[in-house]
């Protein structure tokens, strides 16, 4: 969707509060005062299991934490679910590519805008 600049600014400014107003971050079911009781009621109405709080320490490794939370391994291939993923090479950061092009004076083509409307 493409918007003229003045329409974009108008829509953006609809989200800005006037002076003296304060944005409420959470209200309704997530309000601090009765959050525990209302979320328990929502779980009951949805038929979800009660949430249990465990005092187990979280794994230090992000892969172990992901597997603990989701039950899926990051080492498993997402396409075939049979193979394992292996580290082969580290990608070059975009900033290094730009400085390398500037050093060797390689012309950079501007990205073309695609209108998907």
C-alpha atoms as a PDB file:
ATOM      1  CA  UNK A   1       0.000   0.000   0.000  1.00  0.00           C
ATOM      2  CA  UNK A   2       1.435   3.358  -0.995  1.00  0.00           C
ATOM      3  CA  UNK A   3       0.486   6.561   0.843  1.00  0.00           C
ATOM      4  CA  UNK A   4       1.284  10.186   0.142  1.00  0.00           C
ATOM      5  CA  UNK A   5       3.540  11.765   2.773  1.00  0.00           C
ATOM      6  CA  UNK A   6       0.832  13.966   4.298  1.00  0.00           C
ATOM      7  CA  UNK A   7      -1.560  11.011   4.700  1.00  0.00           C
ATOM      8  CA  UNK A   8       1.174   8.923   6.315  1.00  0.00           C
ATOM      9  CA  UNK A   9       1.974  11.710   8.783  1.00  0.00           C
ATOM     10  CA  UNK A  10      -1.744  12.176   9.551  1.00  0.00           C
ATOM     11  CA  UNK A  11      -2.163   8.470  10.299  1.00  0.00           C
ATOM     12  CA  UNK A  12       1.027   8.418  12.361  1.00  0.00           C
ATOM     13  CA  UNK A  13      -0.059  11.421  14.439  1.00  0.00           C
ATOM     14  CA  UNK A  14      -3.338   9.689  15.309  1.00  0.00           C
ATOM     15  CA  UNK A  15      -1.213   7.532  17.640  1.00  0.00           C
ATOM     16  CA  UNK A  16       0.430  10.506  19.420  1.00  0.00           C
ATOM     17  CA  UNK A  17      -1.227  11.560  22.657  1.00  0.00           C
ATOM     18  CA  UNK A  18      -1.853  15.251  23.456  1.00  0.00           C
ATOM     19  CA  UNK A  19       0.189  16.916  26.212  1.00  0.00           C
ATOM     20  CA  UNK A  20      -0.820  15.908  29.698  1.00  0.00           C
ATOM     21  CA  UNK A  21      -2.245  12.525  28.698  1.00  0.00           C
ATOM     22  CA  UNK A  22      -0.642   9.255  29.710  1.00  0.00           C
ATOM     23  CA  UNK A  23      -0.910   6.024  27.780  1.00  0.00           C
ATOM     24  CA  UNK A  24      -2.234   3.026  29.686  1.00  0.00           C
ATOM     25  CA  UNK A  25      -0.123   0.078  28.724  1.00  0.00           C
ATOM     26  CA  UNK A  26      -2.385  -2.674  29.944  1.00  0.00           C
ATOM     27  CA  UNK A  27      -6.062  -2.576  30.726  1.00  0.00           C
ATOM     28  CA  UNK A  28      -8.954  -4.962  30.808  1.00  0.00           C
ATOM     29  CA  UNK A  29      -7.891  -8.579  31.330  1.00  0.00           C
ATOM     30  CA  UNK A  30      -4.238  -7.668  31.742  1.00  0.00           C
ATOM     31  CA  UNK A  31      -4.734  -4.857  34.264  1.00  0.00           C
ATOM     32  CA  UNK A  32      -2.475  -5.367  37.278  1.00  0.00           C
ATOM     33  CA  UNK A  33      -5.192  -5.313  39.938  1.00  0.00           C
ATOM     34  CA  UNK A  34      -7.061  -8.522  39.035  1.00  0.00           C
ATOM     35  CA  UNK A  35      -4.811 -10.072  36.393  1.00  0.00           C
ATOM     36  CA  UNK A  36      -4.310 -13.374  38.216  1.00  0.00           C
ATOM     37  CA  UNK A  37      -8.036 -13.980  38.747  1.00  0.00           C
ATOM     38  CA  UNK A  38      -9.119 -12.890  35.260  1.00  0.00           C
ATOM     39  CA  UNK A  39      -6.471 -14.963  33.486  1.00  0.00           C
ATOM     40  CA  UNK A  40      -7.453 -17.987  35.599  1.00  0.00           C
ATOM     41  CA  UNK A  41     -11.083 -17.429  34.526  1.00  0.00           C
ATOM     42  CA  UNK A  42     -10.023 -17.157  30.856  1.00  0.00           C
ATOM     43  CA  UNK A  43      -8.057 -20.416  31.119  1.00  0.00           C
ATOM     44  CA  UNK A  44     -11.058 -22.108  32.741  1.00  0.00           C
ATOM     45  CA  UNK A  45     -13.462 -20.880  30.031  1.00  0.00           C
ATOM     46  CA  UNK A  46     -11.068 -21.945  27.269  1.00  0.00           C
ATOM     47  CA  UNK A  47     -10.475 -25.328  28.849  1.00  0.00           C
ATOM     48  CA  UNK A  48      -6.730 -24.731  29.083  1.00  0.00           C
ATOM     49  CA  UNK A  49      -4.583 -26.389  31.721  1.00  0.00           C
ATOM     50  CA  UNK A  50      -3.723 -24.481  34.886  1.00  0.00           C
ATOM     51  CA  UNK A  51      -0.419 -22.685  34.683  1.00  0.00           C
ATOM     52  CA  UNK A  52       2.140 -24.047  37.118  1.00  0.00           C
ATOM     53  CA  UNK A  53       5.109 -22.035  38.244  1.00  0.00           C
ATOM     54  CA  UNK A  54       8.346 -23.972  38.537  1.00  0.00           C
ATOM     55  CA  UNK A  55      11.456 -22.779  40.282  1.00  0.00           C
ATOM     56  CA  UNK A  56      13.779 -24.639  37.934  1.00  0.00           C
ATOM     57  CA  UNK A  57      16.626 -22.534  36.522  1.00  0.00           C
ATOM     58  CA  UNK A  58      16.457 -21.779  32.816  1.00  0.00           C
ATOM     59  CA  UNK A  59      19.060 -23.377  30.544  1.00  0.00           C
ATOM     60  CA  UNK A  60      21.965 -21.088  29.709  1.00  0.00           C
ATOM     61  CA  UNK A  61      22.145 -22.183  26.061  1.00  0.00           C
ATOM     62  CA  UNK A  62      19.528 -20.648  23.741  1.00  0.00           C
ATOM     63  CA  UNK A  63      19.111 -23.921  21.845  1.00  0.00           C
ATOM     64  CA  UNK A  64      18.306 -25.814  25.056  1.00  0.00           C
ATOM     65  CA  UNK A  65      15.910 -23.066  26.166  1.00  0.00           C
ATOM     66  CA  UNK A  66      14.101 -23.161  22.800  1.00  0.00           C
ATOM     67  CA  UNK A  67      13.783 -26.939  22.995  1.00  0.00           C
ATOM     68  CA  UNK A  68      12.520 -26.738  26.593  1.00  0.00           C
ATOM     69  CA  UNK A  69       9.860 -24.156  25.709  1.00  0.00           C
ATOM     70  CA  UNK A  70       8.671 -25.475  22.348  1.00  0.00           C
ATOM     71  CA  UNK A  71       9.605 -29.154  22.339  1.00  0.00           C
ATOM     72  CA  UNK A  72      11.336 -28.710  18.963  1.00  0.00           C
ATOM     73  CA  UNK A  73      15.069 -28.758  18.375  1.00  0.00           C
ATOM     74  CA  UNK A  74      16.888 -26.016  16.482  1.00  0.00           C
ATOM     75  CA  UNK A  75      19.392 -28.645  15.340  1.00  0.00           C
ATOM     76  CA  UNK A  76      16.672 -30.541  13.448  1.00  0.00           C
ATOM     77  CA  UNK A  77      16.081 -29.659   9.793  1.00  0.00           C
ATOM     78  CA  UNK A  78      12.819 -27.656   9.545  1.00  0.00           C
ATOM     79  CA  UNK A  79      12.072 -29.028   6.051  1.00  0.00           C
ATOM     80  CA  UNK A  80      12.480 -32.793   6.383  1.00  0.00           C
ATOM     81  CA  UNK A  81      12.511 -33.149  10.215  1.00  0.00           C
ATOM     82  CA  UNK A  82      15.035 -35.974   9.823  1.00  0.00           C
ATOM     83  CA  UNK A  83      18.427 -34.364   9.177  1.00  0.00           C
ATOM     84  CA  UNK A  84      20.465 -32.176  11.499  1.00  0.00           C
ATOM     85  CA  UNK A  85      21.529 -28.591  10.911  1.00  0.00           C
ATOM     86  CA  UNK A  86      25.282 -27.910  10.929  1.00  0.00           C
ATOM     87  CA  UNK A  87      27.185 -24.633  11.055  1.00  0.00           C
ATOM     88  CA  UNK A  88      29.069 -24.096   7.796  1.00  0.00           C
ATOM     89  CA  UNK A  89      29.971 -20.405   7.573  1.00  0.00           C
ATOM     90  CA  UNK A  90      29.352 -17.060   9.193  1.00  0.00           C
ATOM     91  CA  UNK A  91      27.553 -14.448   7.091  1.00  0.00           C
ATOM     92  CA  UNK A  92      29.276 -11.141   6.438  1.00  0.00           C
ATOM     93  CA  UNK A  93      27.513  -8.169   8.081  1.00  0.00           C
ATOM     94  CA  UNK A  94      25.958  -5.723   5.573  1.00  0.00           C
ATOM     95  CA  UNK A  95      28.137  -2.832   6.823  1.00  0.00           C
ATOM     96  CA  UNK A  96      31.293  -4.742   5.861  1.00  0.00           C
ATOM     97  CA  UNK A  97      29.929  -5.335   2.355  1.00  0.00           C
ATOM     98  CA  UNK A  98      29.199  -1.613   1.867  1.00  0.00           C
ATOM     99  CA  UNK A  99      32.669  -0.548   3.042  1.00  0.00           C
ATOM    100  CA  UNK A 100      34.247  -3.218   0.840  1.00  0.00           C
ATOM    101  CA  UNK A 101      32.326  -1.936  -2.209  1.00  0.00           C
ATOM    102  CA  UNK A 102      33.339   1.640  -1.445  1.00  0.00           C
ATOM    103  CA  UNK A 103      36.973   0.587  -1.139  1.00  0.00           C
ATOM    104  CA  UNK A 104      36.963  -1.121  -4.548  1.00  0.00           C
ATOM    105  CA  UNK A 105      34.613   1.407  -6.153  1.00  0.00           C
ATOM    106  CA  UNK A 106      32.056  -1.171  -7.234  1.00  0.00           C
ATOM    107  CA  UNK A 107      28.881   0.564  -8.392  1.00  0.00           C
ATOM    108  CA  UNK A 108      25.905  -0.119  -6.151  1.00  0.00           C
ATOM    109  CA  UNK A 109      22.505  -0.322  -7.787  1.00  0.00           C
ATOM    110  CA  UNK A 110      19.593   1.170  -5.886  1.00  0.00           C
ATOM    111  CA  UNK A 111      16.878  -1.274  -4.823  1.00  0.00           C
ATOM    112  CA  UNK A 112      13.766  -1.037  -6.916  1.00  0.00           C
ATOM    113  CA  UNK A 113      10.461  -0.302  -5.199  1.00  0.00           C
ATOM    114  CA  UNK A 114       7.754  -2.872  -5.732  1.00  0.00           C
ATOM    115  CA  UNK A 115       4.155  -1.730  -5.558  1.00  0.00           C
ATOM    116  CA  UNK A 116       2.138  -4.664  -4.241  1.00  0.00           C
ATOM    117  CA  UNK A 117      -1.236  -2.951  -4.331  1.00  0.00           C
END
